[in-house]
N, C-alpha and C. Protein backbone atom coordinates (compact mmCIF):
# COMPACT_ATOMS: atom_id res chain seq x y z
N UNK A 1 3.55 -9.53 -17.73
CA UNK A 1 2.90 -8.12 -17.90
C UNK A 1 2.95 -6.51 -18.12
N UNK A 2 4.67 -6.79 -18.13
CA UNK A 2 4.30 -4.88 -19.60
C UNK A 2 3.22 -5.58 -20.51
N UNK A 3 3.90 -6.25 -21.36
CA UNK A 3 3.21 -6.35 -22.13
C UNK A 3 1.50 -6.31 -22.47
N UNK A 4 0.75 -7.00 -21.16
CA UNK A 4 -0.68 -6.95 -20.78
C UNK A 4 -1.28 -5.57 -20.26
N UNK A 5 0.18 -4.12 -19.53
CA UNK A 5 -0.66 -3.21 -19.68
C UNK A 5 -0.56 -2.26 -20.52
N UNK A 6 0.80 -2.87 -21.54
CA UNK A 6 -0.01 -1.57 -22.98
C UNK A 6 -0.49 -1.44 -23.79
N UNK A 7 -0.75 -3.08 -24.19
CA UNK A 7 -2.01 -2.89 -24.87
C UNK A 7 -3.33 -2.53 -24.24
N UNK A 8 -3.71 -2.74 -23.26
CA UNK A 8 -4.51 -2.29 -22.01
C UNK A 8 -4.85 -0.70 -22.67
N UNK A 9 -3.67 0.53 -21.99
CA UNK A 9 -3.43 1.23 -22.76
C UNK A 9 -2.78 1.59 -24.75
N UNK A 10 -4.01 1.10 -25.09
CA UNK A 10 -3.13 1.23 -26.50
C UNK A 10 -4.45 2.28 -27.20
N UNK A 11 -6.01 1.59 -26.30
CA UNK A 11 -6.73 2.82 -26.39
C UNK A 11 -7.11 3.86 -27.02
N UNK A 12 -8.39 4.50 -27.59
CA UNK A 12 -8.14 6.00 -28.00
C UNK A 12 -8.24 6.91 -26.46
N UNK A 13 -8.53 6.21 -26.04
CA UNK A 13 -9.57 6.49 -24.59
C UNK A 13 -8.02 7.15 -23.47
N UNK A 14 -7.34 6.95 -23.58
CA UNK A 14 -6.02 7.25 -22.78
C UNK A 14 -4.78 8.04 -23.21
N UNK A 15 -4.92 9.34 -22.96
CA UNK A 15 -4.17 9.92 -23.99
C UNK A 15 -2.85 9.69 -23.52
N UNK A 16 -1.66 9.48 -24.09
CA UNK A 16 -0.54 9.09 -25.48
C UNK A 16 0.86 9.49 -23.58
N UNK A 17 0.47 10.48 -23.79
CA UNK A 17 1.60 10.94 -22.78
C UNK A 17 1.30 10.84 -20.78
N UNK A 18 -0.02 9.47 -20.94
CA UNK A 18 -0.09 9.92 -19.67
C UNK A 18 -0.39 8.00 -19.59
N UNK A 19 -0.01 7.41 -20.74
CA UNK A 19 0.12 6.04 -20.82
C UNK A 19 1.04 5.20 -19.88
N UNK A 20 2.56 6.20 -19.53
CA UNK A 20 3.38 5.58 -18.61
C UNK A 20 2.90 5.92 -17.30
N UNK A 21 2.50 7.04 -17.31
CA UNK A 21 2.36 7.22 -15.54
C UNK A 21 1.63 6.23 -15.64
N UNK A 22 0.49 5.79 -15.90
CA UNK A 22 -0.96 4.56 -16.36
C UNK A 22 -0.23 3.06 -15.69
N UNK A 23 0.92 3.27 -16.61
CA UNK A 23 1.27 1.34 -16.27
C UNK A 23 2.46 1.78 -14.75
N UNK A 24 3.16 2.61 -14.21
CA UNK A 24 4.34 2.82 -13.09
C UNK A 24 2.69 3.03 -12.18
N UNK A 25 1.52 3.68 -12.20
CA UNK A 25 0.74 3.03 -11.22
C UNK A 25 0.70 2.37 -10.88
N UNK A 26 0.00 1.14 -12.16
CA UNK A 26 -0.37 -0.43 -12.04
C UNK A 26 1.21 -1.42 -11.16
N UNK A 27 1.57 -0.85 -11.97
CA UNK A 27 2.79 -1.81 -11.26
C UNK A 27 3.14 -1.57 -9.56
N UNK A 28 2.71 -0.32 -9.42
CA UNK A 28 3.45 0.44 -8.16
C UNK A 28 2.03 -0.28 -6.87
N UNK A 29 1.01 -0.30 -7.11
CA UNK A 29 -0.17 -1.26 -6.38
C UNK A 29 -0.18 -2.77 -6.69
N UNK A 30 0.89 -2.90 -7.91
CA UNK A 30 0.69 -4.64 -7.94
C UNK A 30 1.63 -4.91 -6.45
N UNK A 31 2.82 -4.23 -6.61
CA UNK A 31 4.32 -4.25 -6.12
C UNK A 31 3.49 -4.55 -4.88
N UNK A 32 2.41 -2.84 -4.06
CA UNK A 32 2.34 -3.34 -2.83
C UNK A 32 1.38 -4.11 -2.22
N UNK A 33 0.89 -4.08 -3.13
CA UNK A 33 -0.45 -6.02 -3.07
C UNK A 33 0.51 -6.91 -2.53
N UNK A 34 1.10 -7.03 -3.58
CA UNK A 34 2.57 -9.09 -3.39
C UNK A 34 2.50 -8.01 -1.32
N UNK A 35 3.59 -6.85 -1.63
CA UNK A 35 4.00 -7.11 -0.68
C UNK A 35 3.21 -6.54 0.89
N UNK A 36 2.69 -6.31 0.91
CA UNK A 36 1.48 -5.92 2.05
C UNK A 36 0.99 -7.16 2.24
N UNK A 37 0.04 -7.96 1.43
CA UNK A 37 0.27 -9.14 1.23
C UNK A 37 0.85 -10.34 2.18
N UNK A 38 2.35 -10.41 1.59
CA UNK A 38 2.68 -10.74 2.53
C UNK A 38 3.23 -10.55 3.99
N UNK A 39 2.75 -9.74 4.15
CA UNK A 39 3.74 -9.07 5.41
C UNK A 39 2.02 -9.74 6.33
N UNK A 40 1.17 -9.39 5.95
CA UNK A 40 0.25 -9.75 6.57
C UNK A 40 0.55 -10.70 6.35
N UNK A 41 1.00 -11.87 5.88
CA UNK A 41 0.02 -13.52 6.37
C UNK A 41 1.56 -13.68 7.25
N UNK A 42 3.27 -13.25 7.18
CA UNK A 42 3.35 -13.04 8.08
C UNK A 42 3.54 -12.52 9.06
N UNK A 43 2.69 -11.62 9.97
CA UNK A 43 2.56 -11.85 11.17
C UNK A 43 1.60 -12.22 11.62
N UNK A 44 0.60 -12.93 10.54
CA UNK A 44 -0.16 -13.60 11.51
C UNK A 44 0.54 -15.09 11.40
N UNK A 45 1.56 -15.75 10.75
CA UNK A 45 2.10 -17.14 11.37
C UNK A 45 2.53 -16.85 12.22
N UNK A 46 3.30 -15.71 12.46
CA UNK A 46 4.70 -15.23 13.86
C UNK A 46 3.86 -14.81 15.23
N UNK A 47 2.70 -14.19 15.26
CA UNK A 47 1.62 -14.13 16.19
C UNK A 47 1.22 -15.40 16.51
N UNK A 48 0.77 -16.58 15.50
CA UNK A 48 0.25 -17.57 15.70
C UNK A 48 1.39 -18.39 16.61
N UNK A 49 3.02 -18.38 16.24
CA UNK A 49 3.88 -19.09 16.35
C UNK A 49 3.94 -19.09 17.68
N UNK A 50 4.15 -17.87 18.02
CA UNK A 50 3.84 -17.05 19.62
C UNK A 50 2.70 -17.52 20.53
N UNK A 51 2.33 -18.23 19.95
CA UNK A 51 0.71 -18.56 21.22
C UNK A 51 -0.53 -17.55 20.77
N UNK A 52 -0.55 -16.84 20.02
CA UNK A 52 -2.35 -16.13 19.93
C UNK A 52 -3.22 -16.53 19.94
N UNK A 53 -4.33 -16.03 20.16
CA UNK A 53 -5.43 -16.93 20.47
C UNK A 53 -6.37 -16.18 18.40
N UNK A 54 -7.40 -17.07 17.78
CA UNK A 54 -7.94 -16.89 17.08
C UNK A 54 -8.27 -15.31 17.24
N UNK A 55 -9.14 -15.19 18.32
CA UNK A 55 -9.69 -13.76 18.71
C UNK A 55 -8.36 -12.82 19.23
N UNK A 56 -7.61 -12.79 19.15
CA UNK A 56 -5.71 -12.02 18.51
C UNK A 56 -5.98 -11.40 17.83
N UNK A 57 -5.41 -12.69 16.21
CA UNK A 57 -5.73 -12.69 15.20
C UNK A 57 -6.47 -11.91 14.43
N UNK A 58 -7.08 -12.39 14.65
CA UNK A 58 -8.68 -11.65 14.21
C UNK A 58 -8.95 -9.40 14.62
N UNK A 59 -8.10 -9.86 15.63
CA UNK A 59 -7.51 -8.15 16.50
C UNK A 59 -6.77 -7.28 14.93
N UNK A 60 -5.81 -8.21 15.41
CA UNK A 60 -4.51 -7.91 14.47
C UNK A 60 -5.16 -7.56 13.27
N UNK A 61 -5.82 -8.07 12.42
CA UNK A 61 -6.14 -7.66 11.81
C UNK A 61 -6.96 -6.64 11.39
N UNK A 62 -8.67 -6.05 12.28
CA UNK A 62 -8.75 -5.13 12.39
C UNK A 62 -8.66 -3.90 12.40
N UNK A 63 -7.02 -4.20 13.31
CA UNK A 63 -5.73 -2.59 14.12
C UNK A 63 -5.81 -1.72 12.20
N UNK A 64 -5.97 -3.36 11.89
CA UNK A 64 -4.85 -1.92 10.58
C UNK A 64 -5.79 -1.69 9.57
N UNK A 65 -7.22 -1.95 9.89
CA UNK A 65 -7.81 -1.26 9.31
C UNK A 65 -8.34 -0.11 10.13
N UNK A 66 -8.46 0.63 11.45
CA UNK A 66 -8.38 1.49 11.87
C UNK A 66 -7.33 2.59 12.07
N UNK A 67 -6.06 2.05 11.93
CA UNK A 67 -5.79 3.00 12.24
C UNK A 67 -5.36 3.74 10.82
N UNK A 68 -5.91 3.35 9.93
CA UNK A 68 -5.92 3.32 8.31
C UNK A 68 -6.38 5.12 8.19
N UNK A 69 -7.77 4.18 9.13
CA UNK A 69 -8.87 5.46 9.27
C UNK A 69 -8.57 7.08 9.85
N UNK A 70 -8.11 6.47 11.34
CA UNK A 70 -7.48 7.07 12.13
C UNK A 70 -6.80 7.94 11.59
N UNK A 71 -6.20 8.10 10.44
CA UNK A 71 -4.26 8.57 9.86
C UNK A 71 -6.02 9.08 8.10
N UNK A 72 -6.42 8.62 8.37
CA UNK A 72 -6.73 9.32 6.18
C UNK A 72 -7.54 9.96 6.42
N UNK A 73 -8.85 10.70 8.25
CA UNK A 73 -9.79 11.47 8.64
C UNK A 73 -8.88 12.45 8.49
N UNK A 74 -7.78 12.71 9.16
CA UNK A 74 -6.80 14.10 9.72
C UNK A 74 -6.39 15.02 8.11
N UNK A 75 -5.41 13.47 7.69
CA UNK A 75 -4.67 13.65 6.35
C UNK A 75 -5.42 14.26 5.83
N UNK A 76 -6.74 14.16 5.59
CA UNK A 76 -7.62 14.64 4.05
C UNK A 76 -7.86 15.92 4.17
N UNK A 77 -7.33 15.98 5.35
CA UNK A 77 -7.87 17.89 5.58
C UNK A 77 -6.88 18.47 5.80
N UNK A 78 -5.81 18.40 6.10
CA UNK A 78 -3.97 18.60 6.25
C UNK A 78 -4.21 19.37 4.41
N UNK A 79 -4.79 17.78 3.52
CA UNK A 79 -3.90 17.41 2.62
C UNK A 79 -4.55 18.82 1.58
N UNK A 80 -6.45 19.32 1.72
CA UNK A 80 -7.20 20.07 1.41
C UNK A 80 -6.34 21.94 0.71
N UNK A 81 -5.40 22.20 2.32
CA UNK A 81 -4.66 23.29 2.45
C UNK A 81 -3.03 23.20 1.59
N UNK A 82 -1.98 22.00 0.78
CA UNK A 82 -1.55 22.21 1.05
C UNK A 82 -1.44 21.40 -0.73
N UNK A 83 0.08 21.36 -1.71
CA UNK A 83 0.06 20.71 -3.16
C UNK A 83 0.36 19.14 -2.73
N UNK A 84 -0.49 18.34 -3.04
CA UNK A 84 -0.79 17.23 -2.85
C UNK A 84 0.38 16.45 -3.59
N UNK A 85 0.90 17.05 -4.58
CA UNK A 85 2.03 16.97 -5.26
C UNK A 85 3.28 16.41 -4.71
N UNK A 86 3.73 16.62 -4.09
CA UNK A 86 4.69 16.52 -2.73
C UNK A 86 4.22 15.20 -1.87
N UNK A 87 3.54 15.81 -1.68
CA UNK A 87 2.51 14.95 0.00
C UNK A 87 2.13 13.65 -0.24
N UNK A 88 1.93 13.53 -1.54
CA UNK A 88 1.70 12.20 -2.34
C UNK A 88 3.46 11.63 -2.48
N UNK A 89 4.27 12.19 -2.54
CA UNK A 89 5.46 11.77 -3.12
C UNK A 89 5.87 10.96 -1.46
N UNK A 90 6.27 12.09 -0.47
CA UNK A 90 6.75 12.00 1.12
C UNK A 90 5.93 10.96 2.04
N UNK A 91 4.70 10.52 1.39
CA UNK A 91 3.96 10.23 2.36
C UNK A 91 4.75 8.76 1.79
N UNK A 92 4.12 8.51 1.06
CA UNK A 92 4.47 6.91 0.18
C UNK A 92 6.04 6.27 -0.07
N UNK A 93 7.34 7.73 0.03
CA UNK A 93 8.07 7.57 0.90
C UNK A 93 8.10 6.74 2.19
N UNK A 94 7.70 7.05 3.54
CA UNK A 94 8.00 7.37 4.47
C UNK A 94 6.99 5.74 4.98
N UNK A 95 6.22 6.27 3.83
CA UNK A 95 5.27 4.36 4.00
C UNK A 95 6.32 3.40 3.79
N UNK A 96 7.00 3.69 2.57
CA UNK A 96 7.55 2.25 2.13
C UNK A 96 8.77 2.01 3.30
N UNK A 97 9.75 2.74 3.77
CA UNK A 97 10.07 3.14 5.06
C UNK A 97 9.75 1.92 5.90
N UNK A 98 8.51 2.17 6.24
CA UNK A 98 7.62 1.65 7.47
C UNK A 98 8.11 -0.83 7.21
N UNK A 99 7.75 -0.70 6.04
CA UNK A 99 8.70 -2.25 5.00
C UNK A 99 10.11 -2.33 5.85
N UNK A 100 10.69 -1.59 6.39
CA UNK A 100 12.08 -2.23 6.65
C UNK A 100 12.47 -1.75 8.19
N UNK A 101 11.01 -1.92 8.26
CA UNK A 101 11.59 -2.25 10.48
C UNK A 101 11.02 -3.78 10.33
N UNK A 102 10.63 -4.07 9.30
CA UNK A 102 10.44 -5.99 9.46
C UNK A 102 10.76 -6.79 9.56
N UNK A 103 12.14 -6.08 9.12
CA UNK A 103 13.30 -6.91 8.28
C UNK A 103 13.95 -6.88 10.06
N UNK A 104 13.68 -6.73 11.70
CA UNK A 104 15.00 -7.52 12.36
C UNK A 104 14.12 -8.54 13.02
N UNK A 105 12.63 -8.16 13.01
CA UNK A 105 11.57 -8.88 13.42
C UNK A 105 11.49 -10.67 13.57
N UNK A 106 11.78 -11.37 12.48
CA UNK A 106 12.15 -12.97 12.31
C UNK A 106 12.99 -13.07 13.69
């Protein structure tokens, strides 16, 4: 995987000092995709075993998009007035801490 990403950024379009940042960015996005996809599938199976209907499972999938919108719109106005470097770092830390709450769920 790292070999593929390093070949991807060998071109002259990406400055050398940014290549490491881009590789870490892609690995972070990949990790998030795997973790998020696993968590969403786990929760669907879990509520199905609890007896949820198809409609309730559909609502469960739609609620995540609704929550993202309700948080993202006010957060954009808040971030306009602040240093985004610190805000991005701390929001990513708090978001990842939220996955720790899934551990006792089973």
